[in-house]
Amino acid sequence: MSKEFLEDKLEARESAIHGMGVFTTIPIPKDEVIMRITGDVIDEDECCRREEEENNVYIFYNGDNYIDVLNTPVIKYINHECDYNCYVDEGDETSLLLYAYRDIQPGEELTIDYGYDEIYDLCGCEICSNDEPEEETEQEA
């Protein structure tokens, strides 16, 4: 690919969301391809094994296979947020692409929607925090 990506403009540092996060040092316009996500390409069985036996949560689904990004310097730190500013789309059989969902400012943390049901139970973002069921009121007799 001849496309220049922005990996050298990203840094991993402490996140207010969770642990470490991925931050941009430059403005990124909406729909810009930010980076190519690569890593160890594995099948479903190996993905399950790594998740269960190694507690590896740094794995992206990629069609018929998975990409383990555990040994990457930055992308493994991308955090979930329901009000995300990035999204992941198809690349090829060995990679995915990270895009800007909206304009992103320098110093802003890059986030994606992890897209699996269990994450929303654990999510502490403003959207999930405000999605609590309303208290029932007593009916008049």
N, C-alpha and C. Protein backbone atom coordinates (compact mmCIF):
# COMPACT_ATOMS: atom_id res chain seq x y z
N MET A 1 0.83 -1.19 0.00
CA MET A 1 0.00 0.00 0.00
C MET A 1 0.87 1.24 0.00
N SER A 2 0.50 2.21 -0.77
CA SER A 2 1.27 3.44 -0.82
C SER A 2 0.73 4.48 0.16
N LYS A 3 -0.43 4.24 0.73
CA LYS A 3 -1.06 5.16 1.66
C LYS A 3 -0.20 5.36 2.90
N GLU A 4 0.02 6.62 3.26
CA GLU A 4 0.73 6.92 4.50
C GLU A 4 -0.28 6.90 5.63
N PHE A 5 0.05 6.22 6.70
CA PHE A 5 -0.82 6.15 7.86
C PHE A 5 -0.29 7.07 8.95
N LEU A 6 -1.04 7.21 10.01
CA LEU A 6 -0.72 8.17 11.05
C LEU A 6 -0.13 7.55 12.32
N GLU A 7 0.34 6.30 12.24
CA GLU A 7 0.87 5.63 13.44
C GLU A 7 1.89 6.46 14.19
N ASP A 8 2.75 7.18 13.47
CA ASP A 8 3.79 7.96 14.13
C ASP A 8 3.23 9.22 14.80
N LYS A 9 1.95 9.48 14.61
CA LYS A 9 1.28 10.63 15.25
C LYS A 9 0.40 10.18 16.41
N LEU A 10 0.49 8.89 16.76
CA LEU A 10 -0.30 8.33 17.86
C LEU A 10 0.63 7.96 19.00
N GLU A 11 0.12 8.04 20.23
CA GLU A 11 0.91 7.62 21.38
C GLU A 11 0.01 6.94 22.40
N ALA A 12 0.61 6.00 23.11
CA ALA A 12 -0.09 5.33 24.21
C ALA A 12 0.27 6.04 25.49
N ARG A 13 -0.76 6.37 26.28
CA ARG A 13 -0.52 6.97 27.59
C ARG A 13 -1.72 6.71 28.49
N GLU A 14 -1.61 7.12 29.74
CA GLU A 14 -2.67 6.87 30.71
C GLU A 14 -3.99 7.47 30.24
N SER A 15 -5.06 6.67 30.44
CA SER A 15 -6.39 7.04 29.97
C SER A 15 -7.34 7.28 31.14
N ALA A 16 -8.22 8.25 31.00
CA ALA A 16 -9.28 8.47 31.99
C ALA A 16 -10.37 7.41 31.85
N ILE A 17 -10.41 6.72 30.72
CA ILE A 17 -11.42 5.68 30.48
C ILE A 17 -11.03 4.39 31.18
N HIS A 18 -9.82 3.91 30.89
CA HIS A 18 -9.36 2.64 31.47
C HIS A 18 -7.88 2.44 31.15
N GLY A 19 -7.07 2.25 32.16
CA GLY A 19 -5.66 1.91 31.97
C GLY A 19 -4.95 2.85 31.02
N MET A 20 -4.38 2.27 29.97
CA MET A 20 -3.72 3.04 28.92
C MET A 20 -4.71 3.28 27.79
N GLY A 21 -4.44 4.30 26.99
CA GLY A 21 -5.28 4.61 25.84
C GLY A 21 -4.42 5.07 24.68
N VAL A 22 -5.04 5.25 23.52
CA VAL A 22 -4.37 5.72 22.32
C VAL A 22 -4.79 7.17 22.09
N PHE A 23 -3.80 8.05 21.93
CA PHE A 23 -4.06 9.48 21.76
C PHE A 23 -3.39 9.98 20.49
N THR A 24 -4.01 10.98 19.86
CA THR A 24 -3.44 11.59 18.67
C THR A 24 -2.70 12.87 19.05
N THR A 25 -1.64 13.14 18.33
CA THR A 25 -0.89 14.38 18.55
C THR A 25 -1.22 15.43 17.50
N ILE A 26 -2.06 15.06 16.53
CA ILE A 26 -2.44 15.97 15.45
C ILE A 26 -3.95 15.92 15.25
N PRO A 27 -4.54 16.93 14.59
CA PRO A 27 -5.96 16.82 14.24
C PRO A 27 -6.13 15.75 13.16
N ILE A 28 -7.23 15.00 13.28
CA ILE A 28 -7.53 13.97 12.29
C ILE A 28 -8.94 14.25 11.76
N PRO A 29 -9.07 14.49 10.46
CA PRO A 29 -10.39 14.77 9.90
C PRO A 29 -11.26 13.52 9.81
N LYS A 30 -12.56 13.74 9.85
CA LYS A 30 -13.54 12.66 9.69
C LYS A 30 -13.22 11.85 8.44
N ASP A 31 -13.39 10.53 8.54
CA ASP A 31 -13.20 9.57 7.46
C ASP A 31 -11.74 9.32 7.07
N GLU A 32 -10.78 9.94 7.77
CA GLU A 32 -9.36 9.69 7.50
C GLU A 32 -8.99 8.28 7.94
N VAL A 33 -8.21 7.58 7.14
CA VAL A 33 -7.67 6.29 7.57
C VAL A 33 -6.52 6.62 8.52
N ILE A 34 -6.64 6.15 9.75
CA ILE A 34 -5.65 6.49 10.77
C ILE A 34 -4.51 5.49 10.77
N MET A 35 -4.84 4.22 10.73
CA MET A 35 -3.78 3.22 10.75
C MET A 35 -4.26 1.88 10.21
N ARG A 36 -3.29 1.09 9.82
CA ARG A 36 -3.53 -0.29 9.42
C ARG A 36 -3.27 -1.14 10.66
N ILE A 37 -4.26 -1.95 11.04
CA ILE A 37 -4.16 -2.80 12.23
C ILE A 37 -3.63 -4.15 11.79
N THR A 38 -2.45 -4.49 12.28
CA THR A 38 -1.83 -5.76 11.94
C THR A 38 -1.38 -6.46 13.22
N GLY A 39 -1.10 -7.71 13.09
CA GLY A 39 -0.63 -8.50 14.22
C GLY A 39 -0.54 -9.95 13.82
N ASP A 40 -0.61 -10.81 14.80
CA ASP A 40 -0.54 -12.24 14.59
C ASP A 40 -1.91 -12.73 14.09
N VAL A 41 -1.99 -13.21 12.86
CA VAL A 41 -3.25 -13.71 12.29
C VAL A 41 -3.48 -15.13 12.79
N ILE A 42 -4.64 -15.34 13.43
CA ILE A 42 -4.96 -16.63 14.05
C ILE A 42 -6.37 -17.06 13.68
N ASP A 43 -6.67 -18.35 13.87
CA ASP A 43 -8.01 -18.85 13.60
C ASP A 43 -8.87 -18.77 14.88
N GLU A 44 -10.12 -19.16 14.77
CA GLU A 44 -11.06 -19.06 15.89
C GLU A 44 -10.64 -19.91 17.08
N ASP A 45 -10.18 -21.12 16.83
CA ASP A 45 -9.75 -22.00 17.93
C ASP A 45 -8.60 -21.37 18.72
N GLU A 46 -7.62 -20.83 18.01
CA GLU A 46 -6.48 -20.21 18.68
C GLU A 46 -6.92 -18.93 19.40
N CYS A 47 -7.86 -18.20 18.83
CA CYS A 47 -8.40 -17.01 19.49
C CYS A 47 -9.02 -17.39 20.83
N CYS A 48 -9.86 -18.40 20.82
CA CYS A 48 -10.51 -18.86 22.06
C CYS A 48 -9.48 -19.33 23.08
N ARG A 49 -8.48 -20.05 22.62
CA ARG A 49 -7.44 -20.52 23.52
C ARG A 49 -6.69 -19.36 24.17
N ARG A 50 -6.32 -18.37 23.37
CA ARG A 50 -5.57 -17.23 23.91
C ARG A 50 -6.43 -16.41 24.87
N GLU A 51 -7.70 -16.26 24.54
CA GLU A 51 -8.59 -15.52 25.45
C GLU A 51 -8.75 -16.25 26.77
N GLU A 52 -8.98 -17.56 26.72
CA GLU A 52 -9.24 -18.34 27.92
C GLU A 52 -7.99 -18.65 28.73
N GLU A 53 -6.94 -19.12 28.06
CA GLU A 53 -5.74 -19.57 28.77
C GLU A 53 -4.76 -18.44 29.09
N GLU A 54 -4.72 -17.43 28.25
CA GLU A 54 -3.75 -16.35 28.43
C GLU A 54 -4.41 -15.04 28.84
N ASN A 55 -5.75 -15.03 28.94
CA ASN A 55 -6.50 -13.81 29.25
C ASN A 55 -6.14 -12.68 28.28
N ASN A 56 -5.93 -13.04 27.03
CA ASN A 56 -5.56 -12.07 26.00
C ASN A 56 -6.83 -11.42 25.45
N VAL A 57 -6.96 -10.13 25.66
CA VAL A 57 -8.13 -9.39 25.19
C VAL A 57 -7.79 -8.46 24.03
N TYR A 58 -6.60 -8.62 23.48
CA TYR A 58 -6.13 -7.73 22.41
C TYR A 58 -6.30 -8.36 21.04
N ILE A 59 -7.51 -8.85 20.76
CA ILE A 59 -7.75 -9.59 19.53
C ILE A 59 -8.93 -8.96 18.78
N PHE A 60 -8.72 -8.69 17.49
CA PHE A 60 -9.75 -8.14 16.62
C PHE A 60 -10.28 -9.23 15.69
N TYR A 61 -11.58 -9.24 15.46
CA TYR A 61 -12.20 -10.17 14.51
C TYR A 61 -11.99 -9.62 13.10
N ASN A 62 -11.62 -10.50 12.17
CA ASN A 62 -11.37 -10.07 10.79
C ASN A 62 -11.93 -11.10 9.81
N GLY A 63 -13.25 -11.15 9.71
CA GLY A 63 -13.87 -12.06 8.75
C GLY A 63 -13.72 -13.51 9.14
N ASP A 64 -12.90 -14.24 8.41
CA ASP A 64 -12.69 -15.66 8.68
C ASP A 64 -11.57 -15.92 9.67
N ASN A 65 -10.89 -14.87 10.13
CA ASN A 65 -9.80 -15.06 11.07
C ASN A 65 -9.79 -13.93 12.11
N TYR A 66 -8.75 -13.90 12.90
CA TYR A 66 -8.61 -12.91 13.97
C TYR A 66 -7.21 -12.33 13.91
N ILE A 67 -7.06 -11.12 14.43
CA ILE A 67 -5.75 -10.48 14.48
C ILE A 67 -5.43 -10.19 15.95
N ASP A 68 -4.38 -10.82 16.44
CA ASP A 68 -3.93 -10.62 17.81
C ASP A 68 -2.92 -9.48 17.80
N VAL A 69 -3.25 -8.37 18.48
CA VAL A 69 -2.39 -7.18 18.50
C VAL A 69 -1.63 -7.02 19.81
N LEU A 70 -1.55 -8.09 20.60
CA LEU A 70 -0.88 -8.04 21.89
C LEU A 70 0.53 -7.46 21.81
N ASN A 71 1.27 -7.79 20.78
CA ASN A 71 2.67 -7.36 20.67
C ASN A 71 2.86 -6.07 19.86
N THR A 72 1.80 -5.30 19.70
CA THR A 72 1.91 -4.02 19.00
C THR A 72 2.14 -2.90 20.01
N PRO A 73 2.77 -1.81 19.61
CA PRO A 73 3.08 -0.76 20.58
C PRO A 73 1.91 0.15 20.95
N VAL A 74 0.90 0.29 20.09
CA VAL A 74 -0.14 1.30 20.36
C VAL A 74 -1.56 0.76 20.29
N ILE A 75 -1.95 0.12 19.19
CA ILE A 75 -3.36 -0.20 18.95
C ILE A 75 -3.95 -1.10 20.03
N LYS A 76 -3.15 -1.89 20.69
CA LYS A 76 -3.68 -2.76 21.74
C LYS A 76 -4.29 -1.94 22.88
N TYR A 77 -3.99 -0.67 22.97
CA TYR A 77 -4.51 0.17 24.04
C TYR A 77 -5.78 0.93 23.69
N ILE A 78 -6.33 0.71 22.50
CA ILE A 78 -7.54 1.46 22.13
C ILE A 78 -8.69 1.01 23.03
N ASN A 79 -9.35 1.97 23.63
CA ASN A 79 -10.43 1.70 24.58
C ASN A 79 -11.79 1.77 23.93
N HIS A 80 -12.74 1.11 24.59
CA HIS A 80 -14.15 1.16 24.19
C HIS A 80 -14.80 2.41 24.75
N GLU A 81 -15.65 3.01 23.95
CA GLU A 81 -16.54 4.06 24.42
C GLU A 81 -17.76 4.02 23.51
N CYS A 82 -18.94 4.13 24.10
CA CYS A 82 -20.16 4.09 23.29
C CYS A 82 -20.27 5.30 22.37
N ASP A 83 -19.74 6.45 22.82
CA ASP A 83 -19.68 7.65 21.99
C ASP A 83 -18.29 7.71 21.35
N TYR A 84 -17.99 6.71 20.55
CA TYR A 84 -16.67 6.51 19.95
C TYR A 84 -16.36 7.56 18.89
N ASN A 85 -15.07 7.73 18.60
CA ASN A 85 -14.66 8.67 17.55
C ASN A 85 -13.95 7.97 16.39
N CYS A 86 -13.78 6.65 16.49
CA CYS A 86 -13.15 5.86 15.43
C CYS A 86 -13.95 4.59 15.19
N TYR A 87 -13.70 3.97 14.05
CA TYR A 87 -14.29 2.67 13.79
C TYR A 87 -13.30 1.83 12.99
N VAL A 88 -13.47 0.53 13.08
CA VAL A 88 -12.61 -0.42 12.39
C VAL A 88 -13.38 -1.00 11.21
N ASP A 89 -12.71 -1.08 10.08
CA ASP A 89 -13.33 -1.64 8.88
C ASP A 89 -12.35 -2.62 8.22
N GLU A 90 -12.86 -3.33 7.23
CA GLU A 90 -12.06 -4.34 6.54
C GLU A 90 -10.81 -3.74 5.92
N GLY A 91 -9.76 -4.52 5.96
CA GLY A 91 -8.53 -4.19 5.24
C GLY A 91 -8.32 -5.29 4.22
N ASP A 92 -7.56 -6.30 4.62
CA ASP A 92 -7.40 -7.50 3.80
C ASP A 92 -7.38 -8.69 4.75
N GLU A 93 -6.95 -9.86 4.27
CA GLU A 93 -7.00 -11.05 5.13
C GLU A 93 -6.03 -10.99 6.31
N THR A 94 -5.09 -10.06 6.29
CA THR A 94 -4.13 -9.96 7.38
C THR A 94 -4.18 -8.64 8.13
N SER A 95 -5.14 -7.78 7.80
CA SER A 95 -5.19 -6.47 8.45
C SER A 95 -6.60 -5.90 8.45
N LEU A 96 -6.77 -4.90 9.29
CA LEU A 96 -7.97 -4.09 9.34
C LEU A 96 -7.54 -2.63 9.23
N LEU A 97 -8.50 -1.74 9.05
CA LEU A 97 -8.18 -0.31 8.99
C LEU A 97 -8.95 0.44 10.07
N LEU A 98 -8.28 1.37 10.72
CA LEU A 98 -8.90 2.24 11.71
C LEU A 98 -9.18 3.58 11.06
N TYR A 99 -10.45 4.01 11.11
CA TYR A 99 -10.90 5.27 10.50
C TYR A 99 -11.39 6.24 11.57
N ALA A 100 -11.32 7.52 11.26
CA ALA A 100 -11.92 8.55 12.12
C ALA A 100 -13.41 8.62 11.82
N TYR A 101 -14.22 8.43 12.83
CA TYR A 101 -15.68 8.49 12.69
C TYR A 101 -16.15 9.95 12.63
N ARG A 102 -15.39 10.82 13.23
CA ARG A 102 -15.67 12.26 13.23
C ARG A 102 -14.33 12.97 13.32
N ASP A 103 -14.34 14.31 13.23
CA ASP A 103 -13.11 15.06 13.42
C ASP A 103 -12.58 14.82 14.83
N ILE A 104 -11.27 14.62 14.95
CA ILE A 104 -10.64 14.33 16.23
C ILE A 104 -9.55 15.37 16.46
N GLN A 105 -9.51 15.92 17.66
CA GLN A 105 -8.58 16.99 17.99
C GLN A 105 -7.28 16.46 18.60
N PRO A 106 -6.18 17.21 18.47
CA PRO A 106 -4.92 16.79 19.09
C PRO A 106 -5.10 16.58 20.60
N GLY A 107 -4.50 15.53 21.12
CA GLY A 107 -4.61 15.22 22.54
C GLY A 107 -5.82 14.40 22.90
N GLU A 108 -6.73 14.19 21.95
CA GLU A 108 -7.95 13.43 22.22
C GLU A 108 -7.66 11.94 22.16
N GLU A 109 -8.31 11.19 23.04
CA GLU A 109 -8.16 9.74 23.04
C GLU A 109 -8.99 9.14 21.91
N LEU A 110 -8.40 8.20 21.19
CA LEU A 110 -9.12 7.47 20.15
C LEU A 110 -9.88 6.32 20.80
N THR A 111 -11.14 6.16 20.42
CA THR A 111 -11.98 5.10 20.99
C THR A 111 -12.80 4.44 19.89
N ILE A 112 -13.19 3.20 20.16
CA ILE A 112 -14.07 2.45 19.26
C ILE A 112 -15.16 1.81 20.09
N ASP A 113 -16.22 1.36 19.43
CA ASP A 113 -17.24 0.54 20.07
C ASP A 113 -16.80 -0.90 19.87
N TYR A 114 -16.48 -1.59 20.96
CA TYR A 114 -16.00 -2.97 20.86
C TYR A 114 -17.05 -3.87 20.22
N GLY A 115 -18.33 -3.54 20.37
CA GLY A 115 -19.38 -4.23 19.64
C GLY A 115 -19.78 -5.61 20.15
N TYR A 116 -19.49 -5.91 21.40
CA TYR A 116 -20.01 -7.17 21.94
C TYR A 116 -20.82 -6.85 23.19
N ASP A 117 -21.89 -7.62 23.41
CA ASP A 117 -22.89 -7.30 24.43
C ASP A 117 -22.33 -7.11 25.84
N GLU A 118 -21.39 -7.93 26.24
CA GLU A 118 -20.88 -7.86 27.61
C GLU A 118 -20.21 -6.53 27.93
N ILE A 119 -19.67 -5.86 26.92
CA ILE A 119 -18.95 -4.60 27.18
C ILE A 119 -19.89 -3.53 27.73
N TYR A 120 -21.15 -3.55 27.33
CA TYR A 120 -22.07 -2.50 27.76
C TYR A 120 -22.42 -2.64 29.24
N ASP A 121 -22.38 -3.86 29.77
CA ASP A 121 -22.59 -4.06 31.21
C ASP A 121 -21.43 -3.50 32.02
N LEU A 122 -20.24 -3.52 31.46
CA LEU A 122 -19.04 -3.05 32.14
C LEU A 122 -18.73 -1.59 31.87
N CYS A 123 -19.36 -1.04 30.84
CA CYS A 123 -19.04 0.31 30.38
C CYS A 123 -19.49 1.36 31.39
N GLY A 124 -18.64 2.32 31.65
CA GLY A 124 -18.96 3.40 32.57
C GLY A 124 -19.14 4.73 31.87
N CYS A 125 -19.30 4.71 30.55
CA CYS A 125 -19.42 5.97 29.81
C CYS A 125 -20.74 6.67 30.14
N GLU A 126 -20.84 7.90 29.74
CA GLU A 126 -22.01 8.71 30.04
C GLU A 126 -23.29 8.09 29.46
N ILE A 127 -23.21 7.52 28.28
CA ILE A 127 -24.39 6.91 27.65
C ILE A 127 -24.89 5.73 28.48
N CYS A 128 -23.98 4.82 28.86
CA CYS A 128 -24.38 3.64 29.64
C CYS A 128 -24.79 4.02 31.06
N SER A 129 -24.13 5.01 31.63
CA SER A 129 -24.45 5.44 32.99
C SER A 129 -25.84 6.07 33.06
N ASN A 130 -26.26 6.70 31.98
CA ASN A 130 -27.58 7.33 31.94
C ASN A 130 -28.65 6.38 31.43
N ASP A 131 -28.29 5.14 31.16
CA ASP A 131 -29.23 4.17 30.60
C ASP A 131 -29.78 3.25 31.70
N GLU A 132 -29.87 3.78 32.92
CA GLU A 132 -30.40 2.99 34.02
C GLU A 132 -31.92 2.98 33.96
N PRO A 133 -32.55 1.89 34.36
CA PRO A 133 -34.01 1.83 34.31
C PRO A 133 -34.62 2.84 35.29
N GLU A 134 -35.72 3.42 34.86
CA GLU A 134 -36.41 4.38 35.72
C GLU A 134 -37.08 3.64 36.87
N GLU A 135 -37.18 4.30 38.02
CA GLU A 135 -37.83 3.70 39.16
C GLU A 135 -39.32 3.60 38.89
N GLU A 136 -39.89 2.49 39.33
CA GLU A 136 -41.33 2.30 39.14
C GLU A 136 -42.07 3.15 40.16
N THR A 137 -43.18 3.69 39.74
CA THR A 137 -44.01 4.47 40.66
C THR A 137 -45.21 3.63 41.06
N GLU A 138 -45.69 3.86 42.27
CA GLU A 138 -46.87 3.10 42.73
C GLU A 138 -48.09 3.57 41.96
N GLN A 139 -48.91 2.62 41.59
CA GLN A 139 -50.15 2.96 40.90
C GLN A 139 -51.16 3.43 41.93
N GLU A 140 -51.97 4.39 41.51
CA GLU A 140 -53.01 4.87 42.42
C GLU A 140 -54.09 3.83 42.57
N ALA A 141 -54.64 3.68 43.79
CA ALA A 141 -55.66 2.68 44.08
C ALA A 141 -57.02 3.15 43.69
